Amino acid sequence: MIHVHFCLVNCLFSDELSKVANECDNVERSALDSGEVGANSQYWKLVEDRFNSGFPVQPVDGPQFAEKVHFVHPTISDFHEKVDPREHNVFSSSELRSLWMDIQKEYEKVL
């Protein structure tokens, strides 16, 4: 599961998805009522696409952005299993959103 978490974090913190996330802050009541917010939102559908299919060739992030370990830290380097964000199955937007919520909970525990 460690591979999946790294890939998801890479997707979420990419330049492309960071910009999209900033534009998603203003939510109207009709969007809440219709279920356009949450896992079915345009943002999470884009996360799903980038996670499962990779990034397009031309954007700032590049096609293999989500598949890399972007920094080296002793905790990662010394982990009993080599971290490889390329090793993941296909996930739906609701599964990815749920994973992100789990990551946030774990982060809050640490803080």
C-alpha atoms as a PDB file:
ATOM      1  CA  MET A   1       0.000   0.000   0.000  1.00  0.00           C
ATOM      2  CA  ILE A   2       2.985   2.306   0.498  1.00  0.00           C
ATOM      3  CA  HIS A   3       3.401   2.537  -3.296  1.00  0.00           C
ATOM      4  CA  VAL A   4      -0.206   3.620  -3.736  1.00  0.00           C
ATOM      5  CA  HIS A   5       0.128   6.344  -1.112  1.00  0.00           C
ATOM      6  CA  PHE A   6       3.212   7.809  -2.777  1.00  0.00           C
ATOM      7  CA  CYS A   7       1.544   7.811  -6.190  1.00  0.00           C
ATOM      8  CA  LEU A   8      -1.581   9.471  -4.798  1.00  0.00           C
ATOM      9  CA  VAL A   9       0.389  12.147  -2.954  1.00  0.00           C
ATOM     10  CA  ASN A  10       2.370  12.824  -6.136  1.00  0.00           C
ATOM     11  CA  CYS A  11      -0.858  13.297  -8.076  1.00  0.00           C
ATOM     12  CA  LEU A  12      -2.458  15.538  -5.477  1.00  0.00           C
ATOM     13  CA  PHE A  13       0.596  17.777  -5.126  1.00  0.00           C
ATOM     14  CA  SER A  14       1.372  18.051  -8.828  1.00  0.00           C
ATOM     15  CA  ASP A  15       1.274  21.550 -10.298  1.00  0.00           C
ATOM     16  CA  GLU A  16      -1.713  20.690 -12.475  1.00  0.00           C
ATOM     17  CA  LEU A  17      -3.898  19.286  -9.720  1.00  0.00           C
ATOM     18  CA  SER A  18      -2.853  21.949  -7.223  1.00  0.00           C
ATOM     19  CA  LYS A  19      -4.175  24.597  -9.608  1.00  0.00           C
ATOM     20  CA  VAL A  20      -7.428  22.682 -10.135  1.00  0.00           C
ATOM     21  CA  ALA A  21      -7.852  22.247  -6.359  1.00  0.00           C
ATOM     22  CA  ASN A  22      -7.488  25.990  -5.801  1.00  0.00           C
ATOM     23  CA  GLU A  23     -10.283  26.623  -8.301  1.00  0.00           C
ATOM     24  CA  CYS A  24     -12.627  24.113  -6.602  1.00  0.00           C
ATOM     25  CA  ASP A  25     -12.969  26.021  -3.334  1.00  0.00           C
ATOM     26  CA  ASN A  26     -16.178  27.843  -4.224  1.00  0.00           C
ATOM     27  CA  VAL A  27     -18.954  25.276  -4.066  1.00  0.00           C
ATOM     28  CA  GLU A  28     -22.580  26.160  -4.633  1.00  0.00           C
ATOM     29  CA  ARG A  29     -25.456  24.498  -2.802  1.00  0.00           C
ATOM     30  CA  SER A  30     -26.739  22.948  -6.054  1.00  0.00           C
ATOM     31  CA  ALA A  31     -23.399  21.146  -6.516  1.00  0.00           C
ATOM     32  CA  LEU A  32     -23.662  19.739  -2.995  1.00  0.00           C
ATOM     33  CA  ASP A  33     -27.238  18.595  -3.600  1.00  0.00           C
ATOM     34  CA  SER A  34     -26.446  16.935  -6.938  1.00  0.00           C
ATOM     35  CA  GLY A  35     -23.416  15.029  -5.623  1.00  0.00           C
ATOM     36  CA  GLU A  36     -20.923  16.895  -7.822  1.00  0.00           C
ATOM     37  CA  VAL A  37     -18.753  17.421  -4.758  1.00  0.00           C
ATOM     38  CA  GLY A  38     -16.665  14.699  -3.193  1.00  0.00           C
ATOM     39  CA  ALA A  39     -15.521  11.609  -5.060  1.00  0.00           C
ATOM     40  CA  ASN A  40     -17.715  12.416  -8.078  1.00  0.00           C
ATOM     41  CA  SER A  41     -16.377  15.935  -8.485  1.00  0.00           C
ATOM     42  CA  GLN A  42     -14.437  17.002 -11.539  1.00  0.00           C
ATOM     43  CA  TYR A  43     -11.341  17.322  -9.330  1.00  0.00           C
ATOM     44  CA  TRP A  44     -11.434  13.722  -8.036  1.00  0.00           C
ATOM     45  CA  LYS A  45     -12.239  12.389 -11.500  1.00  0.00           C
ATOM     46  CA  LEU A  46      -9.083  14.158 -12.734  1.00  0.00           C
ATOM     47  CA  VAL A  47      -7.120  12.663  -9.817  1.00  0.00           C
ATOM     48  CA  GLU A  48      -8.461   9.250 -10.836  1.00  0.00           C
ATOM     49  CA  ASP A  49      -7.371   9.769 -14.439  1.00  0.00           C
ATOM     50  CA  ARG A  50      -3.876  11.000 -13.543  1.00  0.00           C
ATOM     51  CA  PHE A  51      -3.407   8.224 -10.965  1.00  0.00           C
ATOM     52  CA  ASN A  52      -4.513   5.433 -13.313  1.00  0.00           C
ATOM     53  CA  SER A  53      -3.317   6.745 -16.682  1.00  0.00           C
ATOM     54  CA  GLY A  54      -0.460   9.102 -15.822  1.00  0.00           C
ATOM     55  CA  PHE A  55       0.015  12.710 -16.808  1.00  0.00           C
ATOM     56  CA  PRO A  56      -0.081  13.922 -20.411  1.00  0.00           C
ATOM     57  CA  VAL A  57       3.229  14.527 -22.176  1.00  0.00           C
ATOM     58  CA  GLN A  58       2.963  18.311 -22.480  1.00  0.00           C
ATOM     59  CA  PRO A  59       2.005  19.628 -19.015  1.00  0.00           C
ATOM     60  CA  VAL A  60       4.474  21.011 -16.512  1.00  0.00           C
ATOM     61  CA  ASP A  61       4.522  17.792 -14.495  1.00  0.00           C
ATOM     62  CA  GLY A  62       5.328  15.361 -17.296  1.00  0.00           C
ATOM     63  CA  PRO A  63       3.973  11.862 -17.973  1.00  0.00           C
ATOM     64  CA  GLN A  64       5.869   9.988 -15.228  1.00  0.00           C
ATOM     65  CA  PHE A  65       5.418  12.581 -12.472  1.00  0.00           C
ATOM     66  CA  ALA A  66       3.224  10.356 -10.273  1.00  0.00           C
ATOM     67  CA  GLU A  67       5.531   7.368 -10.708  1.00  0.00           C
ATOM     68  CA  LYS A  68       8.627   8.843  -9.043  1.00  0.00           C
ATOM     69  CA  VAL A  69       9.976   9.157  -5.523  1.00  0.00           C
ATOM     70  CA  HIS A  70      10.651  12.896  -5.583  1.00  0.00           C
ATOM     71  CA  PHE A  71      12.861  13.097  -2.528  1.00  0.00           C
ATOM     72  CA  VAL A  72      15.118  10.752  -0.611  1.00  0.00           C
ATOM     73  CA  HIS A  73      14.872  10.524   3.146  1.00  0.00           C
ATOM     74  CA  PRO A  74      16.476   7.919   5.439  1.00  0.00           C
ATOM     75  CA  THR A  75      13.044   6.666   6.492  1.00  0.00           C
ATOM     76  CA  ILE A  76      12.198   5.938   2.874  1.00  0.00           C
ATOM     77  CA  SER A  77      15.649   4.706   1.887  1.00  0.00           C
ATOM     78  CA  ASP A  78      15.840   2.336   4.858  1.00  0.00           C
ATOM     79  CA  PHE A  79      12.280   1.066   4.558  1.00  0.00           C
ATOM     80  CA  HIS A  80      12.144  -2.732   4.420  1.00  0.00           C
ATOM     81  CA  GLU A  81      10.447  -2.518   1.028  1.00  0.00           C
ATOM     82  CA  LYS A  82      11.624  -0.331  -1.849  1.00  0.00           C
ATOM     83  CA  VAL A  83       9.059   2.395  -2.488  1.00  0.00           C
ATOM     84  CA  ASP A  84       7.912   2.376  -6.111  1.00  0.00           C
ATOM     85  CA  PRO A  85       4.879   4.568  -6.925  1.00  0.00           C
ATOM     86  CA  ARG A  86       4.529   2.752 -10.273  1.00  0.00           C
ATOM     87  CA  GLU A  87       3.347  -0.336  -8.407  1.00  0.00           C
ATOM     88  CA  HIS A  88      -0.375   0.199  -7.975  1.00  0.00           C
ATOM     89  CA  ASN A  89      -3.662  -1.138  -9.229  1.00  0.00           C
ATOM     90  CA  VAL A  90      -6.469   0.852 -10.801  1.00  0.00           C
ATOM     91  CA  PHE A  91      -8.498   2.825  -8.270  1.00  0.00           C
ATOM     92  CA  SER A  92     -11.794   4.689  -8.558  1.00  0.00           C
ATOM     93  CA  SER A  93     -12.135   8.328  -7.540  1.00  0.00           C
ATOM     94  CA  SER A  94     -14.048   7.306  -4.408  1.00  0.00           C
ATOM     95  CA  GLU A  95     -11.315   4.830  -3.412  1.00  0.00           C
ATOM     96  CA  LEU A  96      -8.629   7.468  -3.962  1.00  0.00           C
ATOM     97  CA  ARG A  97     -10.537  10.058  -1.955  1.00  0.00           C
ATOM     98  CA  SER A  98     -10.955   7.541   0.857  1.00  0.00           C
ATOM     99  CA  LEU A  99      -7.226   6.756   0.771  1.00  0.00           C
ATOM    100  CA  TRP A 100      -6.459  10.466   0.961  1.00  0.00           C
ATOM    101  CA  MET A 101      -8.720  10.814   3.995  1.00  0.00           C
ATOM    102  CA  ASP A 102      -6.836   7.912   5.636  1.00  0.00           C
ATOM    103  CA  ILE A 103      -3.486   9.562   4.889  1.00  0.00           C
ATOM    104  CA  GLN A 104      -4.750  12.802   6.441  1.00  0.00           C
ATOM    105  CA  LYS A 105      -5.892  10.960   9.590  1.00  0.00           C
ATOM    106  CA  GLU A 106      -2.477   9.333   9.968  1.00  0.00           C
ATOM    107  CA  TYR A 107      -0.785  12.695   9.498  1.00  0.00           C
ATOM    108  CA  GLU A 108      -2.993  14.266  12.173  1.00  0.00           C
ATOM    109  CA  LYS A 109      -2.021  11.479  14.596  1.00  0.00           C
ATOM    110  CA  VAL A 110       1.634  12.287  14.072  1.00  0.00           C
ATOM    111  CA  LEU A 111       1.052  15.970  14.728  1.00  0.00           C
END
